[in-house]
Amino acid sequence: MMKLYFDPQSRSQVAKWMLDEAGVDYEIVPTLIREKAHKKPDYLKINPAGKLPALVDGRTRVFENAAICMYVAEKFPQARLAPSVGSPDRGRYLSLMVYSTAQLEPSMGDSLLGLHSNNSARGWTHFEQAKDAVERELGYGPYLFGAQFTAADVMIGSMFIWHRAFGGRSNRPKIDAYIDRLQARPKGMKFG
């Protein structure tokens, strides 16, 4: 059985959401940040960066939410959480998975912290531009791939759910409606 190293007050909520959407059995291994469990030698063998989350599946170790989401989607194709290899949508899917961590997450963090630096020198866009990109990608479907919910929705959507949880406002009706749909999912990301 897979093991998810998890703290309910951390980004590991994203990996948990993905596992829940895939409908797979897994064990939660409490790894509390306040106890510095993520910095202990045994955990550092799983995730050398000393961050959460991490997933162990037999001898396989996966860390970082995007990697965990892609791993789970590929391991359980019957859950239909990713376009199949060779699908015309595969490139867009992979791009959105990386965009979530390379552009959306750091720009959201800057926004929440009130940082107004020259983001282009740091390698990511401003949050308003990231929201523009997500709105374009949403198109007219309920999810990023129309009616099909995917791991890209877990990654992109979780950023906006976190933003909302920390008091951020999107000021974008299309994104707000998307967040509402994601949070209404029976297996959607929950806090606590």
N, C-alpha and C. Protein backbone atom coordinates (compact mmCIF):
# COMPACT_ATOMS: atom_id res chain seq x y z
N MET A 1 0.85 -1.18 0.00
CA MET A 1 0.00 0.00 0.00
C MET A 1 0.89 1.25 0.00
N MET A 2 0.49 2.22 -0.77
CA MET A 2 1.25 3.47 -0.82
C MET A 2 1.15 4.20 0.51
N LYS A 3 2.20 4.95 0.81
CA LYS A 3 2.24 5.74 2.04
C LYS A 3 2.44 7.20 1.68
N LEU A 4 1.57 8.06 2.20
CA LEU A 4 1.69 9.49 2.00
C LEU A 4 2.17 10.13 3.29
N TYR A 5 3.32 10.76 3.22
CA TYR A 5 3.87 11.49 4.36
C TYR A 5 3.19 12.84 4.37
N PHE A 6 2.48 13.12 5.48
CA PHE A 6 1.42 14.13 5.46
C PHE A 6 1.35 14.93 6.74
N ASP A 7 1.16 16.22 6.56
CA ASP A 7 0.79 17.13 7.65
C ASP A 7 -0.43 17.87 7.15
N PRO A 8 -1.54 17.84 7.90
CA PRO A 8 -2.76 18.48 7.42
C PRO A 8 -2.63 19.99 7.24
N GLN A 9 -1.60 20.58 7.81
CA GLN A 9 -1.39 22.03 7.70
C GLN A 9 -0.27 22.33 6.70
N SER A 10 -0.22 21.55 5.62
CA SER A 10 0.87 21.72 4.66
C SER A 10 0.38 21.50 3.24
N ARG A 11 1.30 21.69 2.31
CA ARG A 11 1.02 21.45 0.90
C ARG A 11 0.72 19.98 0.61
N SER A 12 0.96 19.11 1.55
CA SER A 12 0.66 17.70 1.31
C SER A 12 -0.83 17.45 1.12
N GLN A 13 -1.66 18.45 1.43
CA GLN A 13 -3.09 18.36 1.14
C GLN A 13 -3.34 18.14 -0.35
N VAL A 14 -2.47 18.68 -1.18
CA VAL A 14 -2.62 18.55 -2.63
C VAL A 14 -2.45 17.09 -3.05
N ALA A 15 -1.41 16.45 -2.57
CA ALA A 15 -1.18 15.04 -2.90
C ALA A 15 -2.31 14.16 -2.38
N LYS A 16 -2.80 14.48 -1.19
CA LYS A 16 -3.92 13.72 -0.64
C LYS A 16 -5.15 13.84 -1.53
N TRP A 17 -5.43 15.06 -1.99
CA TRP A 17 -6.56 15.28 -2.89
C TRP A 17 -6.41 14.40 -4.13
N MET A 18 -5.23 14.37 -4.70
CA MET A 18 -5.00 13.57 -5.91
C MET A 18 -5.24 12.10 -5.64
N LEU A 19 -4.71 11.59 -4.54
CA LEU A 19 -4.92 10.18 -4.20
C LEU A 19 -6.40 9.88 -4.00
N ASP A 20 -7.10 10.79 -3.35
CA ASP A 20 -8.54 10.61 -3.13
C ASP A 20 -9.30 10.59 -4.46
N GLU A 21 -8.95 11.51 -5.36
CA GLU A 21 -9.62 11.55 -6.67
C GLU A 21 -9.34 10.28 -7.46
N ALA A 22 -8.14 9.72 -7.30
CA ALA A 22 -7.80 8.48 -8.01
C ALA A 22 -8.54 7.28 -7.42
N GLY A 23 -9.03 7.44 -6.19
CA GLY A 23 -9.78 6.36 -5.55
C GLY A 23 -8.93 5.17 -5.15
N VAL A 24 -7.70 5.44 -4.77
CA VAL A 24 -6.78 4.36 -4.41
C VAL A 24 -6.62 4.26 -2.90
N ASP A 25 -6.22 3.08 -2.46
CA ASP A 25 -5.92 2.90 -1.04
C ASP A 25 -4.53 3.42 -0.75
N TYR A 26 -4.40 4.11 0.36
CA TYR A 26 -3.09 4.60 0.79
C TYR A 26 -3.14 4.79 2.29
N GLU A 27 -1.96 4.82 2.85
CA GLU A 27 -1.82 5.04 4.29
C GLU A 27 -1.25 6.44 4.52
N ILE A 28 -1.81 7.14 5.48
CA ILE A 28 -1.27 8.44 5.89
C ILE A 28 -0.19 8.18 6.94
N VAL A 29 0.97 8.74 6.72
CA VAL A 29 2.05 8.68 7.71
C VAL A 29 2.18 10.10 8.27
N PRO A 30 1.67 10.34 9.48
CA PRO A 30 1.76 11.68 10.05
C PRO A 30 3.21 12.15 10.12
N THR A 31 3.46 13.30 9.53
CA THR A 31 4.80 13.88 9.47
C THR A 31 4.65 15.35 9.80
N LEU A 32 4.57 15.65 11.07
CA LEU A 32 4.21 16.98 11.51
C LEU A 32 5.39 17.95 11.43
N ILE A 33 5.16 19.03 10.74
CA ILE A 33 6.19 20.05 10.56
C ILE A 33 6.57 20.67 11.91
N ARG A 34 5.58 20.93 12.75
CA ARG A 34 5.88 21.56 14.05
C ARG A 34 6.80 20.70 14.92
N GLU A 35 6.83 19.39 14.64
CA GLU A 35 7.72 18.48 15.35
C GLU A 35 9.02 18.24 14.57
N LYS A 36 9.16 18.92 13.44
CA LYS A 36 10.34 18.80 12.56
C LYS A 36 10.56 17.37 12.06
N ALA A 37 9.47 16.63 11.92
CA ALA A 37 9.56 15.25 11.44
C ALA A 37 10.09 15.19 10.01
N HIS A 38 9.88 16.24 9.26
CA HIS A 38 10.34 16.28 7.86
C HIS A 38 11.84 16.56 7.73
N LYS A 39 12.51 16.79 8.86
CA LYS A 39 13.96 17.04 8.85
C LYS A 39 14.76 15.90 9.46
N LYS A 40 14.07 14.84 9.89
CA LYS A 40 14.74 13.70 10.52
C LYS A 40 15.41 12.83 9.47
N PRO A 41 16.51 12.18 9.83
CA PRO A 41 17.28 11.40 8.85
C PRO A 41 16.46 10.37 8.08
N ASP A 42 15.54 9.67 8.73
CA ASP A 42 14.75 8.66 8.02
C ASP A 42 13.89 9.30 6.94
N TYR A 43 13.31 10.45 7.25
CA TYR A 43 12.49 11.13 6.24
C TYR A 43 13.36 11.70 5.12
N LEU A 44 14.52 12.21 5.44
CA LEU A 44 15.40 12.77 4.41
C LEU A 44 15.86 11.71 3.41
N LYS A 45 15.78 10.44 3.77
CA LYS A 45 16.07 9.36 2.82
C LYS A 45 14.95 9.26 1.78
N ILE A 46 13.76 9.70 2.15
CA ILE A 46 12.62 9.66 1.24
C ILE A 46 12.59 10.94 0.40
N ASN A 47 12.71 12.08 1.07
CA ASN A 47 12.74 13.36 0.38
C ASN A 47 13.96 14.14 0.85
N PRO A 48 15.01 14.14 0.07
CA PRO A 48 16.25 14.79 0.49
C PRO A 48 16.11 16.30 0.70
N ALA A 49 15.04 16.89 0.17
CA ALA A 49 14.81 18.32 0.36
C ALA A 49 14.20 18.63 1.73
N GLY A 50 13.73 17.61 2.42
CA GLY A 50 13.15 17.82 3.74
C GLY A 50 11.86 18.61 3.71
N LYS A 51 11.06 18.40 2.69
CA LYS A 51 9.77 19.09 2.53
C LYS A 51 8.67 18.06 2.39
N LEU A 52 7.46 18.51 2.59
CA LEU A 52 6.28 17.68 2.37
C LEU A 52 5.61 18.13 1.09
N PRO A 53 4.97 17.21 0.41
CA PRO A 53 4.70 15.81 0.71
C PRO A 53 5.77 14.89 0.14
N ALA A 54 5.61 13.63 0.49
CA ALA A 54 6.36 12.55 -0.14
C ALA A 54 5.45 11.33 -0.20
N LEU A 55 5.63 10.55 -1.23
CA LEU A 55 4.84 9.34 -1.44
C LEU A 55 5.80 8.17 -1.60
N VAL A 56 5.52 7.09 -0.90
CA VAL A 56 6.30 5.87 -1.04
C VAL A 56 5.36 4.79 -1.56
N ASP A 57 5.77 4.17 -2.65
CA ASP A 57 5.01 3.09 -3.28
C ASP A 57 5.97 1.93 -3.49
N GLY A 58 6.03 1.04 -2.51
CA GLY A 58 7.01 -0.03 -2.58
C GLY A 58 8.41 0.56 -2.48
N ARG A 59 9.22 0.32 -3.50
CA ARG A 59 10.58 0.86 -3.52
C ARG A 59 10.65 2.23 -4.19
N THR A 60 9.53 2.71 -4.70
CA THR A 60 9.49 4.00 -5.39
C THR A 60 9.24 5.12 -4.40
N ARG A 61 10.05 6.17 -4.51
CA ARG A 61 9.90 7.38 -3.69
C ARG A 61 9.62 8.55 -4.62
N VAL A 62 8.56 9.30 -4.32
CA VAL A 62 8.20 10.45 -5.14
C VAL A 62 7.96 11.63 -4.22
N PHE A 63 8.55 12.78 -4.54
CA PHE A 63 8.29 13.99 -3.77
C PHE A 63 8.01 15.13 -4.72
N GLU A 64 7.37 16.17 -4.18
CA GLU A 64 6.82 17.33 -4.89
C GLU A 64 5.43 16.97 -5.42
N ASN A 65 4.49 17.87 -5.17
CA ASN A 65 3.10 17.61 -5.53
C ASN A 65 2.92 17.30 -7.01
N ALA A 66 3.52 18.07 -7.89
CA ALA A 66 3.32 17.83 -9.32
C ALA A 66 3.82 16.43 -9.70
N ALA A 67 4.96 16.02 -9.18
CA ALA A 67 5.49 14.69 -9.48
C ALA A 67 4.57 13.61 -8.93
N ILE A 68 4.07 13.81 -7.71
CA ILE A 68 3.16 12.83 -7.12
C ILE A 68 1.88 12.73 -7.95
N CYS A 69 1.34 13.87 -8.35
CA CYS A 69 0.12 13.86 -9.17
C CYS A 69 0.34 13.15 -10.50
N MET A 70 1.46 13.42 -11.16
CA MET A 70 1.73 12.75 -12.44
C MET A 70 1.95 11.26 -12.23
N TYR A 71 2.63 10.89 -11.17
CA TYR A 71 2.88 9.49 -10.87
C TYR A 71 1.55 8.75 -10.65
N VAL A 72 0.69 9.32 -9.81
CA VAL A 72 -0.59 8.68 -9.50
C VAL A 72 -1.47 8.58 -10.76
N ALA A 73 -1.50 9.65 -11.55
CA ALA A 73 -2.31 9.63 -12.78
C ALA A 73 -1.83 8.54 -13.74
N GLU A 74 -0.53 8.36 -13.83
CA GLU A 74 0.01 7.35 -14.74
C GLU A 74 -0.13 5.93 -14.18
N LYS A 75 0.00 5.79 -12.88
CA LYS A 75 -0.12 4.47 -12.25
C LYS A 75 -1.56 3.96 -12.28
N PHE A 76 -2.52 4.87 -12.25
CA PHE A 76 -3.93 4.49 -12.21
C PHE A 76 -4.68 5.12 -13.38
N PRO A 77 -4.38 4.69 -14.61
CA PRO A 77 -5.01 5.32 -15.78
C PRO A 77 -6.53 5.16 -15.80
N GLN A 78 -7.04 4.15 -15.13
CA GLN A 78 -8.49 3.94 -15.09
C GLN A 78 -9.22 5.11 -14.42
N ALA A 79 -8.51 5.90 -13.61
CA ALA A 79 -9.12 7.07 -12.95
C ALA A 79 -9.29 8.24 -13.93
N ARG A 80 -8.65 8.16 -15.07
CA ARG A 80 -8.76 9.17 -16.13
C ARG A 80 -8.41 10.57 -15.62
N LEU A 81 -7.29 10.67 -14.92
CA LEU A 81 -6.85 11.96 -14.37
C LEU A 81 -5.75 12.61 -15.18
N ALA A 82 -5.47 12.05 -16.36
CA ALA A 82 -4.47 12.64 -17.27
C ALA A 82 -4.75 12.15 -18.68
N PRO A 83 -4.51 13.01 -19.67
CA PRO A 83 -4.58 12.53 -21.05
C PRO A 83 -3.52 11.45 -21.25
N SER A 84 -3.83 10.44 -22.01
CA SER A 84 -2.89 9.35 -22.21
C SER A 84 -1.69 9.79 -23.04
N VAL A 85 -0.60 9.07 -22.86
CA VAL A 85 0.60 9.33 -23.66
C VAL A 85 0.21 9.15 -25.13
N GLY A 86 0.59 10.10 -25.94
CA GLY A 86 0.24 10.07 -27.36
C GLY A 86 -1.01 10.87 -27.69
N SER A 87 -1.78 11.24 -26.66
CA SER A 87 -2.97 12.06 -26.88
C SER A 87 -2.55 13.47 -27.28
N PRO A 88 -3.31 14.13 -28.17
CA PRO A 88 -2.99 15.50 -28.53
C PRO A 88 -3.03 16.46 -27.34
N ASP A 89 -3.74 16.09 -26.28
CA ASP A 89 -3.84 16.94 -25.08
C ASP A 89 -2.67 16.75 -24.12
N ARG A 90 -1.83 15.77 -24.37
CA ARG A 90 -0.77 15.43 -23.41
C ARG A 90 0.22 16.59 -23.18
N GLY A 91 0.63 17.25 -24.24
CA GLY A 91 1.57 18.36 -24.10
C GLY A 91 1.00 19.50 -23.28
N ARG A 92 -0.24 19.85 -23.53
CA ARG A 92 -0.90 20.91 -22.76
C ARG A 92 -1.01 20.51 -21.30
N TYR A 93 -1.36 19.26 -21.04
CA TYR A 93 -1.46 18.75 -19.68
C TYR A 93 -0.12 18.88 -18.94
N LEU A 94 0.95 18.41 -19.56
CA LEU A 94 2.27 18.50 -18.94
C LEU A 94 2.66 19.96 -18.70
N SER A 95 2.34 20.81 -19.65
CA SER A 95 2.65 22.24 -19.50
C SER A 95 1.92 22.84 -18.32
N LEU A 96 0.65 22.50 -18.16
CA LEU A 96 -0.13 23.03 -17.03
C LEU A 96 0.39 22.50 -15.70
N MET A 97 0.82 21.25 -15.68
CA MET A 97 1.37 20.69 -14.44
C MET A 97 2.61 21.47 -14.02
N VAL A 98 3.48 21.77 -14.94
CA VAL A 98 4.69 22.52 -14.62
C VAL A 98 4.36 23.98 -14.35
N TYR A 99 3.44 24.55 -15.12
CA TYR A 99 3.04 25.95 -14.93
C TYR A 99 2.56 26.19 -13.50
N SER A 100 1.86 25.22 -12.95
CA SER A 100 1.32 25.38 -11.59
C SER A 100 2.40 25.66 -10.57
N THR A 101 3.57 25.03 -10.72
CA THR A 101 4.64 25.21 -9.74
C THR A 101 5.68 26.23 -10.18
N ALA A 102 5.87 26.39 -11.48
CA ALA A 102 6.92 27.30 -11.96
C ALA A 102 6.45 28.74 -12.09
N GLN A 103 5.16 28.94 -12.30
CA GLN A 103 4.64 30.30 -12.51
C GLN A 103 3.54 30.67 -11.51
N LEU A 104 2.50 29.84 -11.45
CA LEU A 104 1.34 30.19 -10.63
C LEU A 104 1.66 30.24 -9.14
N GLU A 105 2.28 29.20 -8.61
CA GLU A 105 2.55 29.17 -7.17
C GLU A 105 3.47 30.30 -6.70
N PRO A 106 4.60 30.55 -7.35
CA PRO A 106 5.45 31.65 -6.84
C PRO A 106 4.81 33.02 -7.02
N SER A 107 4.06 33.21 -8.10
CA SER A 107 3.41 34.51 -8.28
C SER A 107 2.29 34.70 -7.26
N MET A 108 1.59 33.62 -6.92
CA MET A 108 0.56 33.68 -5.89
C MET A 108 1.20 34.01 -4.54
N GLY A 109 2.32 33.38 -4.24
CA GLY A 109 3.02 33.67 -2.99
C GLY A 109 3.43 35.12 -2.89
N ASP A 110 3.97 35.66 -3.98
CA ASP A 110 4.32 37.08 -4.00
C ASP A 110 3.10 37.94 -3.72
N SER A 111 1.98 37.59 -4.34
CA SER A 111 0.75 38.36 -4.17
C SER A 111 0.28 38.33 -2.71
N LEU A 112 0.27 37.15 -2.12
CA LEU A 112 -0.18 37.04 -0.73
C LEU A 112 0.74 37.79 0.23
N LEU A 113 2.03 37.83 -0.09
CA LEU A 113 3.00 38.52 0.76
C LEU A 113 3.10 40.01 0.45
N GLY A 114 2.40 40.44 -0.59
CA GLY A 114 2.45 41.84 -0.97
C GLY A 114 3.77 42.26 -1.59
N LEU A 115 4.48 41.31 -2.20
CA LEU A 115 5.76 41.62 -2.84
C LEU A 115 5.51 42.14 -4.25
N HIS A 116 6.10 43.23 -4.57
CA HIS A 116 5.93 43.83 -5.89
C HIS A 116 7.29 44.00 -6.55
N SER A 117 8.01 42.90 -6.65
CA SER A 117 9.35 42.95 -7.23
C SER A 117 9.27 42.75 -8.73
N ASN A 118 10.41 42.84 -9.36
CA ASN A 118 10.50 42.58 -10.79
C ASN A 118 10.51 41.06 -10.99
N ASN A 119 9.33 40.48 -11.10
CA ASN A 119 9.21 39.04 -11.20
C ASN A 119 9.94 38.48 -12.40
N SER A 120 10.01 39.23 -13.50
CA SER A 120 10.65 38.69 -14.70
C SER A 120 12.11 38.35 -14.43
N ALA A 121 12.74 39.11 -13.55
CA ALA A 121 14.13 38.80 -13.20
C ALA A 121 14.21 37.54 -12.36
N ARG A 122 13.12 37.19 -11.69
CA ARG A 122 13.09 36.01 -10.84
C ARG A 122 12.60 34.78 -11.60
N GLY A 123 12.08 34.98 -12.80
CA GLY A 123 11.70 33.84 -13.63
C GLY A 123 10.23 33.52 -13.68
N TRP A 124 9.40 34.27 -12.97
CA TRP A 124 7.96 34.01 -13.07
C TRP A 124 7.21 35.30 -13.29
N THR A 125 6.00 35.13 -13.75
CA THR A 125 5.14 36.24 -14.11
C THR A 125 4.48 36.85 -12.88
N HIS A 126 3.77 37.94 -13.07
CA HIS A 126 2.96 38.53 -12.00
C HIS A 126 1.67 37.71 -11.87
N PHE A 127 1.09 37.73 -10.69
CA PHE A 127 -0.08 36.92 -10.41
C PHE A 127 -1.25 37.26 -11.33
N GLU A 128 -1.45 38.52 -11.64
CA GLU A 128 -2.55 38.89 -12.53
C GLU A 128 -2.36 38.26 -13.91
N GLN A 129 -1.13 38.20 -14.39
CA GLN A 129 -0.87 37.58 -15.68
C GLN A 129 -1.05 36.06 -15.59
N ALA A 130 -0.70 35.49 -14.46
CA ALA A 130 -0.92 34.06 -14.28
C ALA A 130 -2.42 33.76 -14.29
N LYS A 131 -3.21 34.62 -13.65
CA LYS A 131 -4.66 34.43 -13.67
C LYS A 131 -5.21 34.57 -15.08
N ASP A 132 -4.65 35.50 -15.86
CA ASP A 132 -5.07 35.63 -17.27
C ASP A 132 -4.86 34.32 -18.00
N ALA A 133 -3.68 33.72 -17.81
CA ALA A 133 -3.35 32.46 -18.49
C ALA A 133 -4.31 31.35 -18.08
N VAL A 134 -4.60 31.26 -16.80
CA VAL A 134 -5.52 30.21 -16.32
C VAL A 134 -6.91 30.43 -16.88
N GLU A 135 -7.37 31.67 -16.92
CA GLU A 135 -8.70 31.95 -17.51
C GLU A 135 -8.75 31.51 -18.97
N ARG A 136 -7.69 31.79 -19.71
CA ARG A 136 -7.66 31.35 -21.11
C ARG A 136 -7.70 29.83 -21.20
N GLU A 137 -6.96 29.15 -20.34
CA GLU A 137 -6.92 27.70 -20.36
C GLU A 137 -8.25 27.07 -19.93
N LEU A 138 -8.97 27.74 -19.07
CA LEU A 138 -10.27 27.21 -18.65
C LEU A 138 -11.27 27.18 -19.80
N GLY A 139 -11.13 28.10 -20.71
CA GLY A 139 -12.08 28.13 -21.82
C GLY A 139 -13.50 28.20 -21.29
N TYR A 140 -14.36 27.33 -21.82
CA TYR A 140 -15.77 27.34 -21.42
C TYR A 140 -16.16 26.08 -20.65
N GLY A 141 -15.20 25.22 -20.40
CA GLY A 141 -15.52 23.99 -19.68
C GLY A 141 -15.49 24.19 -18.19
N PRO A 142 -16.07 23.29 -17.47
CA PRO A 142 -16.00 23.41 -16.02
C PRO A 142 -14.57 23.20 -15.49
N TYR A 143 -13.76 22.44 -16.25
CA TYR A 143 -12.39 22.14 -15.84
C TYR A 143 -11.43 22.52 -16.96
N LEU A 144 -10.16 22.38 -16.70
CA LEU A 144 -9.14 22.76 -17.68
C LEU A 144 -9.23 21.96 -18.97
N PHE A 145 -9.73 20.72 -18.88
CA PHE A 145 -9.92 19.90 -20.07
C PHE A 145 -11.41 19.66 -20.31
N GLY A 146 -12.17 20.76 -20.25
CA GLY A 146 -13.61 20.67 -20.49
C GLY A 146 -14.31 19.95 -19.37
N ALA A 147 -15.07 18.92 -19.71
CA ALA A 147 -15.82 18.16 -18.70
C ALA A 147 -14.93 17.19 -17.93
N GLN A 148 -13.70 16.95 -18.44
CA GLN A 148 -12.81 15.97 -17.81
C GLN A 148 -11.95 16.62 -16.72
N PHE A 149 -12.16 16.21 -15.49
CA PHE A 149 -11.32 16.64 -14.36
C PHE A 149 -10.01 15.88 -14.45
N THR A 150 -8.86 16.59 -14.28
CA THR A 150 -7.55 15.95 -14.37
C THR A 150 -6.65 16.40 -13.23
N ALA A 151 -5.47 15.80 -13.18
CA ALA A 151 -4.46 16.21 -12.21
C ALA A 151 -4.07 17.67 -12.39
N ALA A 152 -4.21 18.19 -13.60
CA ALA A 152 -3.92 19.62 -13.82
C ALA A 152 -4.89 20.48 -13.01
N ASP A 153 -6.13 20.03 -12.86
CA ASP A 153 -7.08 20.75 -12.02
C ASP A 153 -6.68 20.67 -10.55
N VAL A 154 -6.13 19.53 -10.15
CA VAL A 154 -5.65 19.40 -8.77
C VAL A 154 -4.54 20.43 -8.54
N MET A 155 -3.58 20.49 -9.45
CA MET A 155 -2.43 21.38 -9.25
C MET A 155 -2.80 22.85 -9.40
N ILE A 156 -3.46 23.21 -10.48
CA ILE A 156 -3.83 24.61 -10.71
C ILE A 156 -4.88 25.03 -9.68
N GLY A 157 -5.90 24.19 -9.51
CA GLY A 157 -6.98 24.52 -8.58
C GLY A 157 -6.52 24.65 -7.15
N SER A 158 -5.60 23.80 -6.72
CA SER A 158 -5.13 23.86 -5.34
C SER A 158 -4.48 25.20 -5.03
N MET A 159 -3.81 25.77 -6.01
CA MET A 159 -3.17 27.08 -5.79
C MET A 159 -4.22 28.14 -5.48
N PHE A 160 -5.30 28.12 -6.24
CA PHE A 160 -6.37 29.09 -6.01
C PHE A 160 -7.14 28.80 -4.71
N ILE A 161 -7.27 27.53 -4.36
CA ILE A 161 -7.91 27.18 -3.08
C ILE A 161 -7.06 27.69 -1.93
N TRP A 162 -5.74 27.48 -2.01
CA TRP A 162 -4.85 28.01 -0.97
C TRP A 162 -4.94 29.53 -0.92
N HIS A 163 -4.92 30.15 -2.06
CA HIS A 163 -4.99 31.62 -2.13
C HIS A 163 -6.24 32.11 -1.40
N ARG A 164 -7.36 31.47 -1.67
CA ARG A 164 -8.62 31.84 -1.02
C ARG A 164 -8.53 31.58 0.49
N ALA A 165 -7.98 30.44 0.88
CA ALA A 165 -7.88 30.09 2.30
C ALA A 165 -7.04 31.10 3.09
N PHE A 166 -6.07 31.69 2.43
CA PHE A 166 -5.21 32.69 3.08
C PHE A 166 -5.75 34.11 2.91
N GLY A 167 -6.99 34.21 2.51
CA GLY A 167 -7.64 35.52 2.43
C GLY A 167 -7.48 36.24 1.11
N GLY A 168 -6.86 35.62 0.14
CA GLY A 168 -6.70 36.24 -1.17
C GLY A 168 -8.00 36.21 -1.95
N ARG A 169 -8.17 37.18 -2.79
CA ARG A 169 -9.35 37.27 -3.65
C ARG A 169 -8.89 37.27 -5.10
N SER A 170 -9.54 36.49 -5.93
CA SER A 170 -9.12 36.44 -7.33
C SER A 170 -9.64 37.64 -8.11
N ASN A 171 -10.79 38.19 -7.69
CA ASN A 171 -11.44 39.27 -8.43
C ASN A 171 -11.70 38.86 -9.88
N ARG A 172 -11.91 37.58 -10.08
CA ARG A 172 -12.18 37.02 -11.40
C ARG A 172 -13.36 36.05 -11.27
N PRO A 173 -14.54 36.43 -11.75
CA PRO A 173 -15.70 35.54 -11.62
C PRO A 173 -15.48 34.15 -12.20
N LYS A 174 -14.76 34.06 -13.32
CA LYS A 174 -14.53 32.76 -13.94
C LYS A 174 -13.67 31.86 -13.04
N ILE A 175 -12.65 32.45 -12.43
CA ILE A 175 -11.79 31.68 -11.53
C ILE A 175 -12.52 31.36 -10.23
N ASP A 176 -13.29 32.30 -9.71
CA ASP A 176 -14.07 32.04 -8.50
C ASP A 176 -15.04 30.88 -8.70
N ALA A 177 -15.71 30.85 -9.85
CA ALA A 177 -16.65 29.77 -10.14
C ALA A 177 -15.90 28.44 -10.25
N TYR A 178 -14.71 28.47 -10.84
CA TYR A 178 -13.86 27.27 -10.94
C TYR A 178 -13.49 26.76 -9.55
N ILE A 179 -13.06 27.66 -8.67
CA ILE A 179 -12.70 27.27 -7.30
C ILE A 179 -13.91 26.66 -6.60
N ASP A 180 -15.06 27.28 -6.76
CA ASP A 180 -16.28 26.76 -6.14
C ASP A 180 -16.58 25.34 -6.62
N ARG A 181 -16.43 25.11 -7.94
CA ARG A 181 -16.68 23.77 -8.49
C ARG A 181 -15.70 22.75 -7.90
N LEU A 182 -14.45 23.15 -7.80
CA LEU A 182 -13.44 22.24 -7.26
C LEU A 182 -13.71 21.91 -5.79
N GLN A 183 -14.06 22.91 -5.03
CA GLN A 183 -14.32 22.67 -3.61
C GLN A 183 -15.61 21.90 -3.37
N ALA A 184 -16.50 21.91 -4.34
CA ALA A 184 -17.75 21.17 -4.20
C ALA A 184 -17.59 19.69 -4.56
N ARG A 185 -16.46 19.34 -5.16
CA ARG A 185 -16.24 17.94 -5.51
C ARG A 185 -16.24 17.09 -4.23
N PRO A 186 -16.87 15.92 -4.28
CA PRO A 186 -16.93 15.08 -3.07
C PRO A 186 -15.55 14.75 -2.48
N LYS A 187 -14.55 14.65 -3.33
CA LYS A 187 -13.21 14.32 -2.85
C LYS A 187 -12.29 15.53 -2.89
N GLY A 188 -12.85 16.72 -3.04
CA GLY A 188 -12.06 17.94 -3.14
C GLY A 188 -11.15 18.17 -1.95
N MET A 189 -10.18 19.06 -2.14
CA MET A 189 -9.19 19.34 -1.10
C MET A 189 -9.86 19.93 0.13
N LYS A 190 -9.59 19.32 1.27
CA LYS A 190 -10.15 19.77 2.54
C LYS A 190 -9.01 20.15 3.47
N PHE A 191 -9.29 21.06 4.37
CA PHE A 191 -8.27 21.51 5.32
C PHE A 191 -8.54 20.93 6.70
N GLY A 192 -7.45 20.72 7.46
CA GLY A 192 -7.59 20.26 8.83
C GLY A 192 -7.46 18.77 8.95
